Protein backbone atom coordinates (compact mmCIF):
# COMPACT_ATOMS: atom_id res chain seq x y z
CA MET A 1 -19.94 67.01 48.99
CA THR A 2 -16.63 68.15 48.15
CA LEU A 3 -15.81 69.30 51.71
CA ALA A 4 -15.77 65.66 52.95
CA GLY A 5 -12.89 65.65 50.58
CA SER A 6 -11.28 68.67 51.11
CA VAL A 7 -10.69 68.34 55.06
CA SER A 8 -10.19 65.03 55.23
CA GLY A 9 -6.59 65.55 56.59
CA ALA A 10 -8.12 67.64 59.24
CA LEU A 11 -10.67 65.04 60.72
CA LYS A 12 -7.87 62.80 60.69
CA SER A 13 -6.13 65.47 62.92
CA SER A 14 -8.88 66.45 64.62
CA PRO A 15 -8.98 66.36 68.75
CA SER A 16 -12.60 65.09 68.85
CA LEU A 17 -13.02 62.88 65.61
CA GLN A 18 -9.42 61.80 65.15
CA LEU A 19 -10.78 59.45 61.86
CA THR A 20 -8.09 56.82 60.19
CA ASP A 21 -8.01 56.31 56.44
CA ILE A 22 -10.39 53.26 56.24
CA GLN A 23 -13.41 55.19 58.77
CA ILE A 24 -12.87 58.42 56.20
CA GLY A 25 -13.41 55.58 52.97
CA LEU A 26 -16.42 53.96 54.94
CA THR A 27 -18.21 57.43 55.73
CA ALA A 28 -17.24 57.74 51.96
CA SER A 29 -19.23 54.65 51.55
CA LEU A 30 -22.36 55.48 54.15
CA TYR A 31 -22.75 58.83 52.00
CA VAL A 32 -23.27 56.97 49.10
CA ALA A 33 -25.58 54.28 50.83
CA GLY A 34 -27.30 57.19 51.89
CA ALA A 35 -27.81 58.70 48.61
CA VAL A 36 -29.30 55.30 47.39
CA ILE A 37 -31.67 55.24 49.92
CA GLY A 38 -32.75 58.52 49.35
CA ALA A 39 -32.90 58.20 45.68
CA LEU A 40 -35.48 55.31 45.60
CA CYS A 41 -37.67 56.70 48.39
CA PHE A 42 -37.83 60.23 47.12
CA GLY A 43 -37.57 59.82 42.94
CA TRP A 44 -41.12 57.76 43.29
CA LEU A 45 -42.20 60.15 45.53
CA THR A 46 -41.05 62.89 42.96
CA ASP A 47 -43.46 60.81 40.42
CA ARG A 48 -46.29 60.96 42.42
CA TYR A 49 -46.38 64.24 43.99
CA GLY A 50 -44.33 66.39 41.46
CA ARG A 51 -41.14 67.90 40.32
CA LYS A 52 -41.21 70.69 42.27
CA ARG A 53 -42.46 69.61 45.87
CA MET A 54 -39.55 67.39 45.96
CA PHE A 55 -37.43 70.15 45.11
CA ASN A 56 -38.15 71.79 48.44
CA VAL A 57 -37.99 68.32 51.06
CA THR A 58 -34.70 66.68 49.46
CA LEU A 59 -32.74 70.29 49.74
CA GLY A 60 -34.25 70.95 53.13
CA LEU A 61 -33.06 67.35 54.14
CA TYR A 62 -29.52 68.64 52.76
CA LEU A 63 -29.88 71.63 54.48
CA LEU A 64 -30.56 70.23 58.08
CA SER A 65 -27.79 67.57 57.59
CA THR A 66 -24.97 69.21 56.40
CA ALA A 67 -25.62 71.90 59.44
CA ALA A 68 -25.68 69.21 61.59
CA THR A 69 -22.15 67.23 60.48
CA ALA A 70 -20.32 70.40 61.61
CA PHE A 71 -21.88 69.17 65.28
CA SER A 72 -20.53 65.78 65.07
CA THR A 73 -18.93 64.49 68.24
CA ASP A 74 -17.46 61.14 67.08
CA PHE A 75 -16.98 58.61 63.89
CA ALA A 76 -20.86 57.23 64.98
CA THR A 77 -22.20 60.91 64.76
CA PHE A 78 -20.09 62.56 61.53
CA ALA A 79 -21.34 59.34 59.43
CA LEU A 80 -24.90 59.51 60.06
CA PHE A 81 -25.13 63.26 59.25
CA ARG A 82 -23.42 62.00 56.18
CA MET A 83 -25.32 59.54 55.69
CA LEU A 84 -28.75 61.37 55.80
CA THR A 85 -27.07 64.46 53.64
CA GLY A 86 -26.62 61.23 50.91
CA ALA A 87 -30.01 60.70 50.74
CA GLY A 88 -30.83 64.08 50.21
CA ILE A 89 -28.51 64.64 47.20
CA GLY A 90 -29.63 61.27 45.72
CA GLY A 91 -33.26 62.24 45.88
CA GLU A 92 -31.97 65.89 44.35
CA TYR A 93 -30.85 63.84 41.46
CA ALA A 94 -34.00 62.07 40.73
CA ALA A 95 -35.80 65.52 41.26
CA ILE A 96 -33.48 67.58 39.01
CA ASN A 97 -33.14 65.41 36.50
CA SER A 98 -36.77 64.61 35.31
CA ALA A 99 -38.14 68.24 35.64
CA ILE A 100 -34.49 69.57 33.28
CA GLN A 101 -35.85 66.58 30.86
CA GLU A 102 -39.47 67.35 30.64
CA LEU A 103 -39.01 71.54 30.72
CA ILE A 104 -36.09 71.88 27.81
CA PRO A 105 -36.54 71.80 24.24
CA ALA A 106 -35.85 68.41 22.56
CA ARG A 107 -32.96 70.26 20.16
CA TYR A 108 -31.23 71.73 23.83
CA ARG A 109 -31.94 68.59 26.55
CA GLY A 110 -28.77 66.92 26.03
CA ARG A 111 -26.42 70.10 26.50
CA THR A 112 -28.29 71.43 28.88
CA ASP A 113 -28.92 67.99 31.42
CA LEU A 114 -25.00 68.06 31.46
CA ILE A 115 -24.11 71.71 32.11
CA VAL A 116 -26.81 71.43 34.85
CA ASN A 117 -25.42 68.27 36.05
CA GLY A 118 -21.78 69.52 35.49
CA SER A 119 -22.58 73.10 37.68
CA PHE A 120 -21.99 70.47 40.70
CA TRP A 121 -18.31 71.16 40.37
CA ILE A 122 -19.48 75.14 40.71
CA GLY A 123 -19.83 74.01 44.14
CA ALA A 124 -17.01 71.96 44.18
CA ALA A 125 -14.71 74.78 43.46
CA LEU A 126 -16.25 76.85 46.28
CA GLY A 127 -16.07 74.15 48.71
CA ALA A 128 -12.24 73.63 48.40
CA GLY A 129 -11.64 77.20 48.30
CA GLY A 130 -13.67 78.02 51.59
CA ALA A 131 -11.88 74.74 53.15
CA VAL A 132 -8.29 76.46 51.55
CA VAL A 133 -9.01 79.35 53.87
CA LEU A 134 -10.45 78.11 56.90
CA LEU A 135 -7.71 75.40 57.63
CA GLN A 136 -5.41 78.05 57.44
CA PRO A 137 -2.76 77.38 60.75
CA GLY A 138 -4.12 80.21 63.35
CA LEU A 139 -7.40 80.92 61.73
CA LEU A 140 -9.76 79.10 63.55
CA PRO A 141 -9.06 76.90 66.55
CA PRO A 142 -8.09 73.00 65.29
CA ASP A 143 -11.55 71.52 65.97
CA MET A 144 -13.42 74.70 64.18
CA GLY A 145 -11.74 74.99 60.68
CA TRP A 146 -13.42 72.23 59.40
CA ARG A 147 -16.81 72.38 61.26
CA ALA A 148 -17.29 75.67 59.72
CA ALA A 149 -16.11 74.53 55.98
CA PHE A 150 -19.80 72.65 56.05
CA GLY A 151 -21.30 75.85 57.03
CA ILE A 152 -20.23 76.95 53.21
CA GLY A 153 -22.65 73.79 52.16
CA ALA A 154 -25.52 74.96 54.03
CA ALA A 155 -25.17 78.51 53.29
CA LEU A 156 -24.97 77.35 49.55
CA GLY A 157 -28.35 75.51 50.17
CA LEU A 158 -30.36 78.57 51.26
CA VAL A 159 -29.23 80.44 48.15
CA ILE A 160 -30.77 77.63 45.95
CA LEU A 161 -33.93 77.05 48.14
CA TRP A 162 -34.93 80.99 47.36
CA LEU A 163 -33.75 80.26 43.58
CA ARG A 164 -36.36 77.09 43.54
CA ARG A 165 -38.50 79.39 43.60
CA PHE A 166 -39.08 80.87 39.93
CA ILE A 167 -38.62 77.09 38.81
CA PRO A 168 -42.69 75.90 37.49
CA GLU A 169 -44.05 72.15 37.63
CA SER A 170 -43.70 69.81 34.20
CA PRO A 171 -46.34 70.85 32.06
CA ARG A 172 -46.26 66.83 31.25
CA TRP A 173 -46.47 65.54 34.95
CA LEU A 174 -49.38 68.12 35.36
CA MET A 175 -51.13 66.71 32.58
CA THR A 176 -51.18 62.52 33.15
CA HIS A 177 -52.08 63.65 36.84
CA GLY A 178 -55.24 65.38 35.25
CA ARG A 179 -54.03 68.68 35.97
CA VAL A 180 -54.72 69.94 32.10
CA ALA A 181 -55.65 73.62 33.07
CA GLU A 182 -52.40 74.67 35.12
CA ALA A 183 -50.49 72.37 32.61
CA GLU A 184 -51.70 74.93 30.20
CA ARG A 185 -51.14 77.77 32.28
CA VAL A 186 -47.32 77.14 32.80
CA LEU A 187 -46.61 76.77 28.91
CA ALA A 188 -48.95 80.02 28.66
CA GLU A 189 -46.57 81.44 30.92
CA ILE A 190 -43.27 79.83 29.39
CA GLU A 191 -44.47 81.46 26.26
CA ARG A 192 -44.95 84.45 27.19
CA GLY A 193 -41.36 85.01 28.72
CA PHE A 194 -40.10 84.01 25.14
CA GLY A 195 -42.33 86.30 23.01
CA PRO A 196 -43.26 85.97 19.75
CA GLY A 197 -39.91 84.19 18.69
CA LEU A 198 -40.89 81.14 20.10
CA ALA A 199 -40.57 78.99 17.21
CA ALA A 200 -43.40 76.11 17.29
CA VAL A 201 -42.01 72.66 16.82
CA GLY A 202 -44.17 69.92 14.60
CA ALA A 203 -44.55 66.68 16.74
CA ALA A 204 -47.60 63.89 16.34
CA ARG A 205 -50.43 64.39 18.44
CA LEU A 206 -50.54 61.85 21.49
CA ARG A 207 -53.86 61.05 23.79
CA LEU A 208 -53.50 60.65 27.21
CA VAL A 209 -56.09 58.86 29.72
CA GLU A 210 -55.01 59.51 33.98
CA ARG A 211 -54.12 56.27 35.17
CA SER A 212 -52.09 55.69 37.80
CA VAL A 213 -48.80 53.47 37.73
CA GLY A 214 -47.78 51.13 40.67
CA LEU A 215 -44.65 49.20 41.00
CA VAL A 216 -45.51 46.72 38.70
CA ASP A 217 -45.84 49.10 36.20
CA VAL A 218 -42.35 49.99 36.10
CA ALA A 219 -41.00 46.52 36.66
CA ARG A 220 -43.15 45.42 33.69
CA THR A 221 -41.37 48.57 31.42
CA LEU A 222 -37.79 47.84 32.90
CA PHE A 223 -37.94 44.31 32.30
CA ARG A 224 -40.27 43.02 29.61
CA VAL A 225 -40.48 46.04 27.64
CA TYR A 226 -37.29 47.90 27.65
CA PRO A 227 -34.64 45.17 29.34
CA LYS A 228 -31.60 46.16 26.50
CA ARG A 229 -31.88 49.62 27.61
CA SER A 230 -32.41 48.66 31.61
CA LEU A 231 -29.02 46.55 31.18
CA TYR A 232 -27.46 49.46 29.31
CA VAL A 233 -28.46 52.39 31.74
CA LEU A 234 -27.27 49.97 34.66
CA VAL A 235 -23.64 49.60 33.02
CA LEU A 236 -23.37 53.75 33.10
CA MET A 237 -24.66 54.12 35.82
CA GLY A 238 -22.26 51.51 37.73
CA SER A 239 -19.37 52.12 35.60
CA GLN A 240 -19.47 55.89 36.53
CA ALA A 241 -20.06 55.25 40.04
CA PHE A 242 -17.38 53.38 40.87
CA PHE A 243 -14.64 55.35 38.90
CA TYR A 244 -16.15 58.59 40.41
CA ASN A 245 -16.37 58.10 43.89
CA ALA A 246 -13.67 55.87 44.30
CA ILE A 247 -11.02 58.33 42.62
CA PHE A 248 -13.05 61.84 44.14
CA PHE A 249 -13.49 60.87 47.79
CA THR A 250 -9.79 59.72 48.41
CA TYR A 251 -8.03 61.64 46.33
CA ALA A 252 -7.23 64.25 49.37
CA LEU A 253 -5.87 60.91 51.22
CA VAL A 254 -3.39 59.78 48.25
CA LEU A 255 -2.12 63.73 48.18
CA GLY A 256 -1.46 63.72 51.67
CA ARG A 257 -0.31 60.02 52.40
CA PHE A 258 1.81 60.11 49.19
CA PHE A 259 3.17 63.26 48.56
CA GLY A 260 2.88 65.04 51.99
CA ILE A 261 0.48 67.92 51.32
CA ALA A 262 -0.78 69.87 53.80
CA ASP A 263 -4.39 69.62 55.28
CA GLN A 264 -4.91 73.73 54.44
CA SER A 265 -3.72 73.02 51.30
CA ILE A 266 -5.52 70.09 50.10
CA GLY A 267 -8.72 72.70 48.29
CA LEU A 268 -6.08 73.81 46.29
CA TYR A 269 -5.56 70.76 44.06
CA ILE A 270 -9.06 70.08 44.12
CA LEU A 271 -9.54 73.81 42.58
CA PRO A 272 -8.18 72.44 39.37
CA PHE A 273 -9.66 69.21 39.22
CA ALA A 274 -12.94 70.62 39.66
CA ALA A 275 -12.38 73.07 36.52
CA GLY A 276 -11.88 70.01 34.55
CA ASN A 277 -14.79 69.07 35.57
CA PHE A 278 -17.22 71.42 34.67
CA LEU A 279 -15.34 72.25 31.49
CA GLY A 280 -16.37 68.92 30.26
CA PRO A 281 -19.50 69.19 30.03
CA LEU A 282 -19.50 72.70 29.06
CA LEU A 283 -17.59 72.57 25.98
CA LEU A 284 -18.53 69.04 24.89
CA GLY A 285 -22.80 69.34 26.03
CA HIS A 286 -23.67 70.68 22.53
CA LEU A 287 -22.20 67.44 20.78
CA PHE A 288 -24.42 65.57 22.95
CA ASP A 289 -27.29 67.18 20.62
CA THR A 290 -25.26 67.27 17.36
CA VAL A 291 -23.17 64.66 16.78
CA GLY A 292 -25.45 61.92 18.61
CA ARG A 293 -25.68 60.06 21.97
CA LYS A 294 -24.01 57.11 21.35
CA THR A 295 -20.95 58.58 19.54
CA MET A 296 -20.56 61.02 22.44
CA ILE A 297 -21.53 58.67 25.36
CA ALA A 298 -19.22 55.93 24.32
CA PHE A 299 -16.68 58.60 23.06
CA THR A 300 -16.49 60.07 26.72
CA TYR A 301 -16.79 56.53 28.85
CA ALA A 302 -13.88 55.65 26.64
CA MET A 303 -11.61 58.18 26.61
CA SER A 304 -12.03 58.38 30.25
CA GLY A 305 -10.72 54.91 30.46
CA LEU A 306 -7.69 55.12 28.27
CA LEU A 307 -6.33 58.28 30.17
CA LEU A 308 -6.85 56.37 33.65
CA LEU A 309 -4.89 53.71 32.38
CA VAL A 310 -2.28 56.21 31.67
CA THR A 311 -2.40 57.70 34.81
CA ALA A 312 -2.47 54.70 37.16
CA LEU A 313 0.54 54.03 35.18
CA LEU A 314 2.77 57.03 35.98
CA PHE A 315 1.19 56.75 39.20
CA VAL A 316 2.96 53.35 40.25
CA ASN A 317 5.88 54.12 38.33
CA GLY A 318 6.58 57.52 40.76
CA THR A 319 6.73 59.63 37.51
CA LEU A 320 3.61 62.12 38.70
CA GLY A 321 4.19 64.82 41.64
CA ALA A 322 1.58 66.29 43.12
CA VAL A 323 0.84 68.91 40.33
CA GLY A 324 1.45 65.88 37.77
CA LEU A 325 -1.52 63.74 38.91
CA THR A 326 -3.75 67.07 39.72
CA VAL A 327 -3.47 67.72 36.31
CA ALA A 328 -3.53 64.28 35.10
CA TRP A 329 -7.10 63.94 37.17
CA SER A 330 -8.23 67.12 35.46
CA VAL A 331 -7.58 65.83 31.55
CA VAL A 332 -9.39 62.46 32.66
CA PHE A 333 -12.02 63.90 34.58
CA PHE A 334 -13.06 66.79 31.77
CA PHE A 335 -14.12 63.63 29.44
CA ALA A 336 -15.49 61.59 32.55
CA SER A 337 -17.45 64.26 33.78
CA ALA A 338 -19.56 64.74 30.28
CA ALA A 339 -19.91 61.07 30.57
CA ALA A 340 -21.18 60.93 33.83
CA SER A 341 -24.11 63.41 33.48
CA ALA A 342 -24.58 61.69 30.38
CA ALA A 343 -25.80 58.47 32.54
CA TYR A 344 -28.51 60.32 34.17
CA LEU A 345 -29.87 62.10 30.57
CA THR A 346 -29.43 58.93 28.96
CA ALA A 347 -31.42 57.02 32.92
CA GLY A 348 -34.40 59.79 32.08
CA GLU A 349 -34.88 59.79 28.31
CA CYS A 350 -35.11 56.25 28.15
CA PHE A 351 -38.38 55.72 29.60
CA PRO A 352 -41.99 56.78 29.73
CA LEU A 353 -42.95 59.71 31.32
CA GLU A 354 -44.60 58.57 34.23
CA MET A 355 -41.82 56.55 35.79
CA ARG A 356 -38.96 59.34 34.79
CA ALA A 357 -38.25 60.34 38.27
CA MET A 358 -38.02 56.80 39.74
CA ALA A 359 -36.21 55.01 36.53
CA ILE A 360 -33.38 57.70 37.74
CA ALA A 361 -33.36 57.14 40.79
CA LEU A 362 -33.67 53.29 40.16
CA PHE A 363 -30.99 53.10 38.18
CA TYR A 364 -28.99 55.96 40.18
CA ALA A 365 -29.32 53.28 42.84
CA LEU A 366 -28.20 50.13 41.23
CA GLY A 367 -25.41 51.27 39.75
CA THR A 368 -23.63 53.49 42.77
CA GLY A 369 -24.55 50.65 44.86
CA LEU A 370 -22.80 48.46 42.41
CA GLY A 371 -20.16 50.55 42.17
CA GLY A 372 -20.57 53.92 44.45
CA VAL A 373 -20.39 52.58 48.08
CA VAL A 374 -17.69 49.83 47.21
CA GLY A 375 -15.39 51.92 45.59
CA PRO A 376 -14.51 54.49 48.30
CA ALA A 377 -14.34 51.66 50.85
CA LEU A 378 -12.04 50.00 48.79
CA PHE A 379 -9.67 52.47 48.31
CA GLY A 380 -9.70 53.18 51.16
CA ALA A 381 -7.78 50.45 52.39
CA LEU A 382 -5.87 50.08 49.50
CA ILE A 383 -4.50 53.95 50.13
CA GLY A 384 -3.77 52.29 53.76
CA SER A 385 -1.58 49.43 52.99
CA GLY A 386 0.52 52.25 51.28
CA GLU A 387 1.24 50.18 48.01
CA ARG A 388 1.42 52.33 45.02
CA VAL A 389 0.91 49.01 43.37
CA ALA A 390 -2.13 48.21 44.48
CA ILE A 391 -3.80 51.69 44.18
CA GLY A 392 -2.83 51.12 40.29
CA TRP A 393 -4.76 47.79 40.44
CA GLY A 394 -8.09 49.79 41.76
CA TYR A 395 -7.34 52.58 38.63
CA ALA A 396 -7.29 49.71 36.44
CA PHE A 397 -10.29 48.01 37.03
CA GLY A 398 -12.26 51.51 37.28
CA ALA A 399 -10.74 51.77 33.54
CA ALA A 400 -12.23 48.94 32.45
CA LEU A 401 -15.36 49.64 33.96
CA MET A 402 -15.42 52.84 31.40
CA LEU A 403 -14.46 50.63 28.39
CA ILE A 404 -17.17 48.08 28.80
CA ALA A 405 -19.68 51.14 29.22
CA ALA A 406 -18.13 52.26 26.23
CA ALA A 407 -18.68 48.91 24.00
CA THR A 408 -22.02 48.52 25.56
CA THR A 409 -23.12 52.00 24.13
CA LEU A 410 -21.69 51.33 20.63
CA ARG A 411 -23.74 48.23 21.09
CA ILE A 412 -26.87 49.08 22.47
CA GLY A 413 -26.91 52.48 23.19
CA VAL A 414 -30.10 54.57 22.30
CA ALA A 415 -29.90 57.52 20.17
CA ALA A 416 -32.33 60.63 21.56
CA GLU A 417 -31.19 63.76 20.29
CA ARG A 418 -33.14 66.17 19.42
CA ARG A 419 -36.23 63.94 19.53
CA PRO A 420 -39.24 64.54 21.69
CA LEU A 421 -39.09 62.85 25.28
CA GLU A 422 -42.77 61.17 24.29
CA ASP A 423 -41.07 59.79 20.83
CA VAL A 424 -38.13 58.40 22.81
CA ALA A 425 -40.60 56.12 25.00
CA ARG A 426 -44.16 56.09 24.73
CA PRO A 427 -46.12 57.75 27.51
CA LEU A 428 -47.76 54.34 29.90
CA SER A 429 -51.06 56.78 29.54
CA SER A 430 -51.26 56.86 26.33
CA ALA A 431 -54.60 56.09 24.83
CA ASP A 432 -53.30 55.33 21.30
């Protein structure tokens, strides 16, 4: 995903592609649109056929599409392969987050989910570093460097495909699908891995009955049982999607147009940006389990918005150079990365087990559709205008969305820290 931003300058100068700023922004929007479609399709399939099975299907789609991107011949094929890549990634969000939340003890669920989502930026750093090497003048022909860079994404995917052999199916999902004996085997293996030191946690008994859950059940749960939670999660998802996709996907364009940074050096500026994004969830994650969800989600969203306003003002006034802007973004996204990861955590925690993946996918799709698709295309056009003030207003709009999300959290947020998932949202198949 990061490669598309890191090599955007090379895509503009590529003899075969010669993309414009607007086309690069459009491909980013199409990537996000693909992610929306993939999330909806694979989210439903994840709840129907299991978390583990969809791991491999969505990763396979990502692998093939990323590799195919390297063979793009024009804007149309490049945009198509980016859209298919997005579909694989959208499906990943639903499968991964639902599995994390159902396999991790309640007292560690927040920090674990944030850190795993934040590990996105380890891949971002690898992608940016690889782009720096492969785009060096003279190393590869002008039209080959960016193509080889996309091979990094495919190679990382192959490693993950092997690692996923060790991830078990969710015992919670197995139980609600009548596979109780298999769920018991998975739990026994987990307990053997921990040894005699595994502490039992007291919880209320819950009797389940096997039942099918359809789209009518999903709609009734979202809009009749939990309408405030649905609004809350939509606000979190939409605000962070605009904030992230608008700024990150067009960062390389800003560096090239306003600061004259060479194509082969863009990755060097992505590296500290990626570091800030990973360190935020890593260092702040445990506070979401101890201080609490509402306090920390409101704090990280508010800090992201306020710091973005300051950065926008400095950018418009010409106070920041390329290095200064990179440092500013690293600080802003230290908080924004934790906030965005918490949105996925909240989308899964707030709704019943039988529709967890679908809820994550649906709100990812709605939030990303509202904020993520519009953002990159809008900022691509603003950057193409060459006007700092216009871009500054775009940043201010993103900041306002984050501040609205912080206020919404304080009013209707859910205190899910250290509580079993079934306590936060009772399963639809509960017989009680």
